[in-house]
Amino acid sequence: MSDPGEASQALLTRAFSYLRLSGMDAAQCCRAVEGLAGALADTLTRGTATEADFAALWAAFIERSAPVRAPGGAEEGAPTLPILRGSIGYARFGR
């Protein structure tokens, strides 16, 4: 990985864009991406992050941002989007 700063920024931008496309307002997106930024900071403090580390962070973020079933059966949170290679900057991820 050439520059962890660029890869980190790309990951956070990708996460924010993903949530905005799913219909969340900007404030909700920022709160959700804050958690990813914290996990990213923890990963970077342990040493050099690899592309696999960034892929694992993205997978965990997608899992956390999936809709949660409320007790009444209604879905809360962002509706899920299909996860496709090449969508929302995936091709640029880690480069």
PDB file of N, CA and C in Angstrom:
ATOM      1  N   MET A   1       0.866  -1.163   0.000  1.00  0.00           N
ATOM      2  CA  MET A   1       0.000   0.000   0.000  1.00  0.00           C
ATOM      3  C   MET A   1       0.906   1.218   0.000  1.00  0.00           C
ATOM      4  N   SER A   2       0.699   2.105  -0.949  1.00  0.00           N
ATOM      5  CA  SER A   2       1.609   3.231  -1.116  1.00  0.00           C
ATOM      6  C   SER A   2       1.464   4.285  -0.024  1.00  0.00           C
ATOM      7  N   ASP A   3       0.270   4.752   0.222  1.00  0.00           N
ATOM      8  CA  ASP A   3       0.072   5.823   1.201  1.00  0.00           C
ATOM      9  C   ASP A   3      -1.152   5.510   2.051  1.00  0.00           C
ATOM     10  N   PRO A   4      -0.945   5.195   3.337  1.00  0.00           N
ATOM     11  CA  PRO A   4      -2.100   4.867   4.175  1.00  0.00           C
ATOM     12  C   PRO A   4      -3.062   6.036   4.333  1.00  0.00           C
ATOM     13  N   GLY A   5      -2.567   7.267   4.221  1.00  0.00           N
ATOM     14  CA  GLY A   5      -3.448   8.430   4.328  1.00  0.00           C
ATOM     15  C   GLY A   5      -4.442   8.494   3.187  1.00  0.00           C
ATOM     16  N   GLU A   6      -3.957   8.248   1.968  1.00  0.00           N
ATOM     17  CA  GLU A   6      -4.846   8.254   0.804  1.00  0.00           C
ATOM     18  C   GLU A   6      -5.853   7.116   0.887  1.00  0.00           C
ATOM     19  N   ALA A   7      -5.386   5.938   1.262  1.00  0.00           N
ATOM     20  CA  ALA A   7      -6.281   4.784   1.363  1.00  0.00           C
ATOM     21  C   ALA A   7      -7.323   5.002   2.458  1.00  0.00           C
ATOM     22  N   SER A   8      -6.911   5.622   3.559  1.00  0.00           N
ATOM     23  CA  SER A   8      -7.847   5.899   4.658  1.00  0.00           C
ATOM     24  C   SER A   8      -8.908   6.892   4.227  1.00  0.00           C
ATOM     25  N   GLN A   9      -8.475   7.944   3.553  1.00  0.00           N
ATOM     26  CA  GLN A   9      -9.422   8.947   3.072  1.00  0.00           C
ATOM     27  C   GLN A   9     -10.383   8.332   2.062  1.00  0.00           C
ATOM     28  N   ALA A  10      -9.867   7.478   1.187  1.00  0.00           N
ATOM     29  CA  ALA A  10     -10.721   6.820   0.200  1.00  0.00           C
ATOM     30  C   ALA A  10     -11.765   5.935   0.885  1.00  0.00           C
ATOM     31  N   LEU A  11     -11.356   5.221   1.930  1.00  0.00           N
ATOM     32  CA  LEU A  11     -12.283   4.347   2.656  1.00  0.00           C
ATOM     33  C   LEU A  11     -13.391   5.157   3.323  1.00  0.00           C
ATOM     34  N   LEU A  12     -13.026   6.243   3.988  1.00  0.00           N
ATOM     35  CA  LEU A  12     -14.020   7.065   4.683  1.00  0.00           C
ATOM     36  C   LEU A  12     -14.955   7.762   3.696  1.00  0.00           C
ATOM     37  N   THR A  13     -14.408   8.235   2.591  1.00  0.00           N
ATOM     38  CA  THR A  13     -15.232   8.870   1.560  1.00  0.00           C
ATOM     39  C   THR A  13     -16.189   7.861   0.950  1.00  0.00           C
ATOM     40  N   ARG A  14     -15.690   6.668   0.700  1.00  0.00           N
ATOM     41  CA  ARG A  14     -16.521   5.598   0.143  1.00  0.00           C
ATOM     42  C   ARG A  14     -17.671   5.253   1.087  1.00  0.00           C
ATOM     43  N   ALA A  15     -17.381   5.166   2.378  1.00  0.00           N
ATOM     44  CA  ALA A  15     -18.417   4.844   3.363  1.00  0.00           C
ATOM     45  C   ALA A  15     -19.476   5.939   3.421  1.00  0.00           C
ATOM     46  N   PHE A  16     -19.039   7.188   3.435  1.00  0.00           N
ATOM     47  CA  PHE A  16     -19.986   8.308   3.474  1.00  0.00           C
ATOM     48  C   PHE A  16     -20.866   8.297   2.224  1.00  0.00           C
ATOM     49  N   SER A  17     -20.261   8.106   1.061  1.00  0.00           N
ATOM     50  CA  SER A  17     -21.020   8.077  -0.194  1.00  0.00           C
ATOM     51  C   SER A  17     -22.016   6.927  -0.213  1.00  0.00           C
ATOM     52  N   TYR A  18     -21.590   5.777   0.281  1.00  0.00           N
ATOM     53  CA  TYR A  18     -22.467   4.602   0.339  1.00  0.00           C
ATOM     54  C   TYR A  18     -23.724   4.910   1.152  1.00  0.00           C
ATOM     55  N   LEU A  19     -23.536   5.522   2.312  1.00  0.00           N
ATOM     56  CA  LEU A  19     -24.677   5.834   3.171  1.00  0.00           C
ATOM     57  C   LEU A  19     -25.555   6.926   2.572  1.00  0.00           C
ATOM     58  N   ARG A  20     -24.952   7.934   1.964  1.00  0.00           N
ATOM     59  CA  ARG A  20     -25.743   9.003   1.331  1.00  0.00           C
ATOM     60  C   ARG A  20     -26.599   8.429   0.208  1.00  0.00           C
ATOM     61  N   LEU A  21     -26.036   7.512  -0.574  1.00  0.00           N
ATOM     62  CA  LEU A  21     -26.799   6.894  -1.658  1.00  0.00           C
ATOM     63  C   LEU A  21     -27.936   6.022  -1.133  1.00  0.00           C
ATOM     64  N   SER A  22     -27.799   5.545   0.089  1.00  0.00           N
ATOM     65  CA  SER A  22     -28.849   4.715   0.671  1.00  0.00           C
ATOM     66  C   SER A  22     -29.974   5.551   1.266  1.00  0.00           C
ATOM     67  N   GLY A  23     -29.815   6.884   1.263  1.00  0.00           N
ATOM     68  CA  GLY A  23     -30.894   7.751   1.716  1.00  0.00           C
ATOM     69  C   GLY A  23     -30.706   8.377   3.078  1.00  0.00           C
ATOM     70  N   MET A  24     -29.596   8.142   3.739  1.00  0.00           N
ATOM     71  CA  MET A  24     -29.358   8.746   5.051  1.00  0.00           C
ATOM     72  C   MET A  24     -29.024  10.222   4.884  1.00  0.00           C
ATOM     73  N   ASP A  25     -29.399  11.021   5.884  1.00  0.00           N
ATOM     74  CA  ASP A  25     -29.004  12.430   5.819  1.00  0.00           C
ATOM     75  C   ASP A  25     -27.536  12.551   6.239  1.00  0.00           C
ATOM     76  N   ALA A  26     -26.949  13.711   5.949  1.00  0.00           N
ATOM     77  CA  ALA A  26     -25.511  13.907   6.155  1.00  0.00           C
ATOM     78  C   ALA A  26     -25.100  13.727   7.616  1.00  0.00           C
ATOM     79  N   ALA A  27     -25.922  14.189   8.552  1.00  0.00           N
ATOM     80  CA  ALA A  27     -25.568  14.064   9.973  1.00  0.00           C
ATOM     81  C   ALA A  27     -25.511  12.601  10.402  1.00  0.00           C
ATOM     82  N   GLN A  28     -26.476  11.798   9.968  1.00  0.00           N
ATOM     83  CA  GLN A  28     -26.468  10.371  10.294  1.00  0.00           C
ATOM     84  C   GLN A  28     -25.247   9.692   9.674  1.00  0.00           C
ATOM     85  N   CYS A  29     -24.928  10.083   8.443  1.00  0.00           N
ATOM     86  CA  CYS A  29     -23.764   9.508   7.768  1.00  0.00           C
ATOM     87  C   CYS A  29     -22.486   9.813   8.540  1.00  0.00           C
ATOM     88  N   CYS A  30     -22.359  11.045   8.997  1.00  0.00           N
ATOM     89  CA  CYS A  30     -21.161  11.436   9.752  1.00  0.00           C
ATOM     90  C   CYS A  30     -21.028  10.616  11.023  1.00  0.00           C
ATOM     91  N   ARG A  31     -22.140  10.402  11.719  1.00  0.00           N
ATOM     92  CA  ARG A  31     -22.089   9.602  12.950  1.00  0.00           C
ATOM     93  C   ARG A  31     -21.672   8.164  12.645  1.00  0.00           C
ATOM     94  N   ALA A  32     -22.200   7.607  11.564  1.00  0.00           N
ATOM     95  CA  ALA A  32     -21.854   6.232  11.209  1.00  0.00           C
ATOM     96  C   ALA A  32     -20.390   6.122  10.782  1.00  0.00           C
ATOM     97  N   VAL A  33     -19.906   7.103  10.047  1.00  0.00           N
ATOM     98  CA  VAL A  33     -18.527   7.070   9.562  1.00  0.00           C
ATOM     99  C   VAL A  33     -17.537   7.328  10.699  1.00  0.00           C
ATOM    100  N   GLU A  34     -17.970   8.008  11.761  1.00  0.00           N
ATOM    101  CA  GLU A  34     -17.096   8.216  12.923  1.00  0.00           C
ATOM    102  C   GLU A  34     -16.649   6.884  13.515  1.00  0.00           C
ATOM    103  N   GLY A  35     -17.566   5.932  13.580  1.00  0.00           N
ATOM    104  CA  GLY A  35     -17.210   4.608  14.097  1.00  0.00           C
ATOM    105  C   GLY A  35     -16.164   3.927  13.225  1.00  0.00           C
ATOM    106  N   LEU A  36     -16.324   4.059  11.922  1.00  0.00           N
ATOM    107  CA  LEU A  36     -15.344   3.498  10.993  1.00  0.00           C
ATOM    108  C   LEU A  36     -13.993   4.194  11.156  1.00  0.00           C
ATOM    109  N   ALA A  37     -14.015   5.500  11.342  1.00  0.00           N
ATOM    110  CA  ALA A  37     -12.768   6.252  11.534  1.00  0.00           C
ATOM    111  C   ALA A  37     -12.044   5.786  12.798  1.00  0.00           C
ATOM    112  N   GLY A  38     -12.788   5.491  13.850  1.00  0.00           N
ATOM    113  CA  GLY A  38     -12.183   4.981  15.078  1.00  0.00           C
ATOM    114  C   GLY A  38     -11.535   3.621  14.869  1.00  0.00           C
ATOM    115  N   ALA A  39     -12.246   2.738  14.171  1.00  0.00           N
ATOM    116  CA  ALA A  39     -11.685   1.415  13.880  1.00  0.00           C
ATOM    117  C   ALA A  39     -10.459   1.535  12.979  1.00  0.00           C
ATOM    118  N   LEU A  40     -10.514   2.467  12.058  1.00  0.00           N
ATOM    119  CA  LEU A  40      -9.381   2.712  11.168  1.00  0.00           C
ATOM    120  C   LEU A  40      -8.174   3.223  11.953  1.00  0.00           C
ATOM    121  N   ALA A  41      -8.404   4.131  12.877  1.00  0.00           N
ATOM    122  CA  ALA A  41      -7.314   4.649  13.714  1.00  0.00           C
ATOM    123  C   ALA A  41      -6.687   3.533  14.542  1.00  0.00           C
ATOM    124  N   ASP A  42      -7.520   2.652  15.097  1.00  0.00           N
ATOM    125  CA  ASP A  42      -6.994   1.518  15.861  1.00  0.00           C
ATOM    126  C   ASP A  42      -6.121   0.626  14.985  1.00  0.00           C
ATOM    127  N   THR A  43      -6.575   0.383  13.759  1.00  0.00           N
ATOM    128  CA  THR A  43      -5.819  -0.458  12.833  1.00  0.00           C
ATOM    129  C   THR A  43      -4.481   0.177  12.489  1.00  0.00           C
ATOM    130  N   LEU A  44      -4.491   1.475  12.233  1.00  0.00           N
ATOM    131  CA  LEU A  44      -3.255   2.159  11.845  1.00  0.00           C
ATOM    132  C   LEU A  44      -2.266   2.270  13.002  1.00  0.00           C
ATOM    133  N   THR A  45      -2.747   2.338  14.237  1.00  0.00           N
ATOM    134  CA  THR A  45      -1.823   2.429  15.373  1.00  0.00           C
ATOM    135  C   THR A  45      -1.130   1.098  15.658  1.00  0.00           C
ATOM    136  N   ARG A  46      -1.719   0.007  15.185  1.00  0.00           N
ATOM    137  CA  ARG A  46      -1.091  -1.310  15.372  1.00  0.00           C
ATOM    138  C   ARG A  46       0.063  -1.528  14.400  1.00  0.00           C
ATOM    139  N   GLY A  47       0.201  -0.677  13.412  1.00  0.00           N
ATOM    140  CA  GLY A  47       1.283  -0.830  12.433  1.00  0.00           C
ATOM    141  C   GLY A  47       0.777  -0.514  11.038  1.00  0.00           C
ATOM    142  N   THR A  48       1.537  -0.950  10.069  1.00  0.00           N
ATOM    143  CA  THR A  48       1.191  -0.687   8.678  1.00  0.00           C
ATOM    144  C   THR A  48      -0.049  -1.478   8.293  1.00  0.00           C
ATOM    145  N   ALA A  49      -1.040  -0.785   7.781  1.00  0.00           N
ATOM    146  CA  ALA A  49      -2.280  -1.429   7.359  1.00  0.00           C
ATOM    147  C   ALA A  49      -2.107  -1.989   5.950  1.00  0.00           C
ATOM    148  N   THR A  50      -2.636  -3.175   5.745  1.00  0.00           N
ATOM    149  CA  THR A  50      -2.573  -3.809   4.430  1.00  0.00           C
ATOM    150  C   THR A  50      -3.913  -3.644   3.731  1.00  0.00           C
ATOM    151  N   GLU A  51      -3.928  -4.019   2.474  1.00  0.00           N
ATOM    152  CA  GLU A  51      -5.181  -3.965   1.723  1.00  0.00           C
ATOM    153  C   GLU A  51      -6.221  -4.885   2.365  1.00  0.00           C
ATOM    154  N   ALA A  52      -5.767  -6.003   2.928  1.00  0.00           N
ATOM    155  CA  ALA A  52      -6.677  -6.925   3.610  1.00  0.00           C
ATOM    156  C   ALA A  52      -7.297  -6.266   4.846  1.00  0.00           C
ATOM    157  N   ASP A  53      -6.519  -5.450   5.551  1.00  0.00           N
ATOM    158  CA  ASP A  53      -7.055  -4.724   6.713  1.00  0.00           C
ATOM    159  C   ASP A  53      -8.166  -3.767   6.288  1.00  0.00           C
ATOM    160  N   PHE A  54      -7.929  -3.054   5.188  1.00  0.00           N
ATOM    161  CA  PHE A  54      -8.937  -2.120   4.700  1.00  0.00           C
ATOM    162  C   PHE A  54     -10.183  -2.861   4.216  1.00  0.00           C
ATOM    163  N   ALA A  55      -9.995  -4.010   3.573  1.00  0.00           N
ATOM    164  CA  ALA A  55     -11.133  -4.809   3.122  1.00  0.00           C
ATOM    165  C   ALA A  55     -11.941  -5.313   4.318  1.00  0.00           C
ATOM    166  N   ALA A  56     -11.256  -5.707   5.391  1.00  0.00           N
ATOM    167  CA  ALA A  56     -11.955  -6.172   6.593  1.00  0.00           C
ATOM    168  C   ALA A  56     -12.725  -5.034   7.259  1.00  0.00           C
ATOM    169  N   LEU A  57     -12.133  -3.842   7.290  1.00  0.00           N
ATOM    170  CA  LEU A  57     -12.841  -2.678   7.846  1.00  0.00           C
ATOM    171  C   LEU A  57     -14.092  -2.372   7.034  1.00  0.00           C
ATOM    172  N   TRP A  58     -13.986  -2.449   5.711  1.00  0.00           N
ATOM    173  CA  TRP A  58     -15.138  -2.177   4.850  1.00  0.00           C
ATOM    174  C   TRP A  58     -16.235  -3.218   5.081  1.00  0.00           C
ATOM    175  N   ALA A  59     -15.856  -4.479   5.159  1.00  0.00           N
ATOM    176  CA  ALA A  59     -16.840  -5.543   5.381  1.00  0.00           C
ATOM    177  C   ALA A  59     -17.555  -5.356   6.716  1.00  0.00           C
ATOM    178  N   ALA A  60     -16.810  -5.000   7.751  1.00  0.00           N
ATOM    179  CA  ALA A  60     -17.424  -4.767   9.063  1.00  0.00           C
ATOM    180  C   ALA A  60     -18.346  -3.552   9.019  1.00  0.00           C
ATOM    181  N   PHE A  61     -17.957  -2.525   8.289  1.00  0.00           N
ATOM    182  CA  PHE A  61     -18.790  -1.327   8.160  1.00  0.00           C
ATOM    183  C   PHE A  61     -20.101  -1.666   7.459  1.00  0.00           C
ATOM    184  N   ILE A  62     -20.032  -2.425   6.386  1.00  0.00           N
ATOM    185  CA  ILE A  62     -21.234  -2.813   5.645  1.00  0.00           C
ATOM    186  C   ILE A  62     -22.161  -3.619   6.549  1.00  0.00           C
ATOM    187  N   GLU A  63     -21.593  -4.509   7.324  1.00  0.00           N
ATOM    188  CA  GLU A  63     -22.391  -5.331   8.236  1.00  0.00           C
ATOM    189  C   GLU A  63     -23.088  -4.471   9.291  1.00  0.00           C
ATOM    190  N   ARG A  64     -22.372  -3.487   9.846  1.00  0.00           N
ATOM    191  CA  ARG A  64     -22.958  -2.613  10.866  1.00  0.00           C
ATOM    192  C   ARG A  64     -24.000  -1.667  10.293  1.00  0.00           C
ATOM    193  N   SER A  65     -23.855  -1.285   9.034  1.00  0.00           N
ATOM    194  CA  SER A  65     -24.778  -0.309   8.467  1.00  0.00           C
ATOM    195  C   SER A  65     -26.016  -0.951   7.858  1.00  0.00           C
ATOM    196  N   ALA A  66     -26.109  -2.264   7.902  1.00  0.00           N
ATOM    197  CA  ALA A  66     -27.299  -2.950   7.400  1.00  0.00           C
ATOM    198  C   ALA A  66     -28.495  -2.616   8.294  1.00  0.00           C
ATOM    199  N   PRO A  67     -29.699  -2.648   7.724  1.00  0.00           N
ATOM    200  CA  PRO A  67     -30.881  -2.327   8.538  1.00  0.00           C
ATOM    201  C   PRO A  67     -31.049  -3.297   9.709  1.00  0.00           C
ATOM    202  N   VAL A  68     -31.555  -2.772  10.778  1.00  0.00           N
ATOM    203  CA  VAL A  68     -31.798  -3.563  11.984  1.00  0.00           C
ATOM    204  C   VAL A  68     -33.305  -3.687  12.167  1.00  0.00           C
ATOM    205  N   ARG A  69     -33.756  -4.860  12.485  1.00  0.00           N
ATOM    206  CA  ARG A  69     -35.188  -5.066  12.713  1.00  0.00           C
ATOM    207  C   ARG A  69     -35.574  -4.525  14.083  1.00  0.00           C
ATOM    208  N   ALA A  70     -36.574  -3.698  14.095  1.00  0.00           N
ATOM    209  CA  ALA A  70     -37.098  -3.159  15.352  1.00  0.00           C
ATOM    210  C   ALA A  70     -38.046  -4.193  15.951  1.00  0.00           C
ATOM    211  N   PRO A  71     -38.351  -4.087  17.255  1.00  0.00           N
ATOM    212  CA  PRO A  71     -39.264  -5.046  17.877  1.00  0.00           C
ATOM    213  C   PRO A  71     -40.615  -5.138  17.167  1.00  0.00           C
ATOM    214  N   GLY A  72     -41.091  -4.039  16.595  1.00  0.00           N
ATOM    215  CA  GLY A  72     -42.377  -4.048  15.898  1.00  0.00           C
ATOM    216  C   GLY A  72     -42.309  -4.627  14.504  1.00  0.00           C
ATOM    217  N   GLY A  73     -41.129  -5.009  14.053  1.00  0.00           N
ATOM    218  CA  GLY A  73     -40.994  -5.602  12.735  1.00  0.00           C
ATOM    219  C   GLY A  73     -40.596  -4.610  11.658  1.00  0.00           C
ATOM    220  N   ALA A  74     -40.623  -3.322  11.962  1.00  0.00           N
ATOM    221  CA  ALA A  74     -40.235  -2.330  10.959  1.00  0.00           C
ATOM    222  C   ALA A  74     -38.715  -2.245  10.896  1.00  0.00           C
ATOM    223  N   GLU A  75     -38.206  -1.945   9.724  1.00  0.00           N
ATOM    224  CA  GLU A  75     -36.764  -1.804   9.585  1.00  0.00           C
ATOM    225  C   GLU A  75     -36.336  -0.402   9.958  1.00  0.00           C
ATOM    226  N   GLU A  76     -35.227  -0.314  10.667  1.00  0.00           N
ATOM    227  CA  GLU A  76     -34.650   0.972  11.012  1.00  0.00           C
ATOM    228  C   GLU A  76     -33.267   1.044  10.386  1.00  0.00           C
ATOM    229  N   GLY A  77     -32.791   2.231  10.170  1.00  0.00           N
ATOM    230  CA  GLY A  77     -31.456   2.404   9.610  1.00  0.00           C
ATOM    231  C   GLY A  77     -31.506   2.581   8.115  1.00  0.00           C
ATOM    232  N   ALA A  78     -30.351   2.509   7.515  1.00  0.00           N
ATOM    233  CA  ALA A  78     -30.251   2.723   6.078  1.00  0.00           C
ATOM    234  C   ALA A  78     -30.666   1.468   5.337  1.00  0.00           C
ATOM    235  N   PRO A  79     -31.425   1.631   4.269  1.00  0.00           N
ATOM    236  CA  PRO A  79     -31.712   0.455   3.448  1.00  0.00           C
ATOM    237  C   PRO A  79     -30.410  -0.028   2.818  1.00  0.00           C
ATOM    238  N   THR A  80     -30.277  -1.324   2.659  1.00  0.00           N
ATOM    239  CA  THR A  80     -29.024  -1.828   2.114  1.00  0.00           C
ATOM    240  C   THR A  80     -28.995  -1.649   0.611  1.00  0.00           C
ATOM    241  N   LEU A  81     -27.823  -1.386   0.116  1.00  0.00           N
ATOM    242  CA  LEU A  81     -27.583  -1.290  -1.313  1.00  0.00           C
ATOM    243  C   LEU A  81     -26.849  -2.540  -1.746  1.00  0.00           C
ATOM    244  N   PRO A  82     -26.997  -2.919  -2.994  1.00  0.00           N
ATOM    245  CA  PRO A  82     -26.217  -4.072  -3.449  1.00  0.00           C
ATOM    246  C   PRO A  82     -24.733  -3.730  -3.413  1.00  0.00           C
ATOM    247  N   ILE A  83     -23.933  -4.668  -2.983  1.00  0.00           N
ATOM    248  CA  ILE A  83     -22.492  -4.456  -2.912  1.00  0.00           C
ATOM    249  C   ILE A  83     -21.888  -5.033  -4.185  1.00  0.00           C
ATOM    250  N   LEU A  84     -21.428  -4.171  -5.047  1.00  0.00           N
ATOM    251  CA  LEU A  84     -20.875  -4.587  -6.324  1.00  0.00           C
ATOM    252  C   LEU A  84     -19.447  -4.089  -6.451  1.00  0.00           C
ATOM    253  N   ARG A  85     -18.593  -4.904  -7.015  1.00  0.00           N
ATOM    254  CA  ARG A  85     -17.229  -4.438  -7.295  1.00  0.00           C
ATOM    255  C   ARG A  85     -17.329  -3.292  -8.284  1.00  0.00           C
ATOM    256  N   GLY A  86     -16.576  -2.253  -8.045  1.00  0.00           N
ATOM    257  CA  GLY A  86     -16.576  -1.107  -8.938  1.00  0.00           C
ATOM    258  C   GLY A  86     -17.545  -0.023  -8.522  1.00  0.00           C
ATOM    259  N   SER A  87     -18.433  -0.314  -7.571  1.00  0.00           N
ATOM    260  CA  SER A  87     -19.379   0.713  -7.147  1.00  0.00           C
ATOM    261  C   SER A  87     -18.750   1.575  -6.067  1.00  0.00           C
ATOM    262  N   ILE A  88     -19.077   2.819  -6.059  1.00  0.00           N
ATOM    263  CA  ILE A  88     -18.655   3.789  -5.054  1.00  0.00           C
ATOM    264  C   ILE A  88     -17.140   3.749  -4.833  1.00  0.00           C
ATOM    265  N   GLY A  89     -16.413   3.756  -5.927  1.00  0.00           N
ATOM    266  CA  GLY A  89     -14.968   3.866  -5.830  1.00  0.00           C
ATOM    267  C   GLY A  89     -14.235   2.599  -5.451  1.00  0.00           C
ATOM    268  N   TYR A  90     -14.876   1.443  -5.524  1.00  0.00           N
ATOM    269  CA  TYR A  90     -14.200   0.211  -5.110  1.00  0.00           C
ATOM    270  C   TYR A  90     -12.925  -0.013  -5.917  1.00  0.00           C
ATOM    271  N   ALA A  91     -12.974   0.314  -7.200  1.00  0.00           N
ATOM    272  CA  ALA A  91     -11.802   0.082  -8.044  1.00  0.00           C
ATOM    273  C   ALA A  91     -10.616   0.933  -7.592  1.00  0.00           C
ATOM    274  N   ARG A  92     -10.871   2.107  -7.025  1.00  0.00           N
ATOM    275  CA  ARG A  92      -9.801   2.985  -6.549  1.00  0.00           C
ATOM    276  C   ARG A  92      -9.331   2.586  -5.161  1.00  0.00           C
ATOM    277  N   PHE A  93     -10.073   1.772  -4.468  1.00  0.00           N
ATOM    278  CA  PHE A  93      -9.805   1.451  -3.073  1.00  0.00           C
ATOM    279  C   PHE A  93      -8.428   0.811  -2.916  1.00  0.00           C
ATOM    280  N   GLY A  94      -7.628   1.388  -2.043  1.00  0.00           N
ATOM    281  CA  GLY A  94      -6.337   0.816  -1.724  1.00  0.00           C
ATOM    282  C   GLY A  94      -5.226   1.159  -2.699  1.00  0.00           C
ATOM    283  N   ARG A  95      -5.488   2.060  -3.622  1.00  0.00           N
ATOM    284  CA  ARG A  95      -4.436   2.420  -4.588  1.00  0.00           C
ATOM    285  C   ARG A  95      -3.961   3.810  -4.365  1.00  0.00           C
TER     286      ARG A  95
END
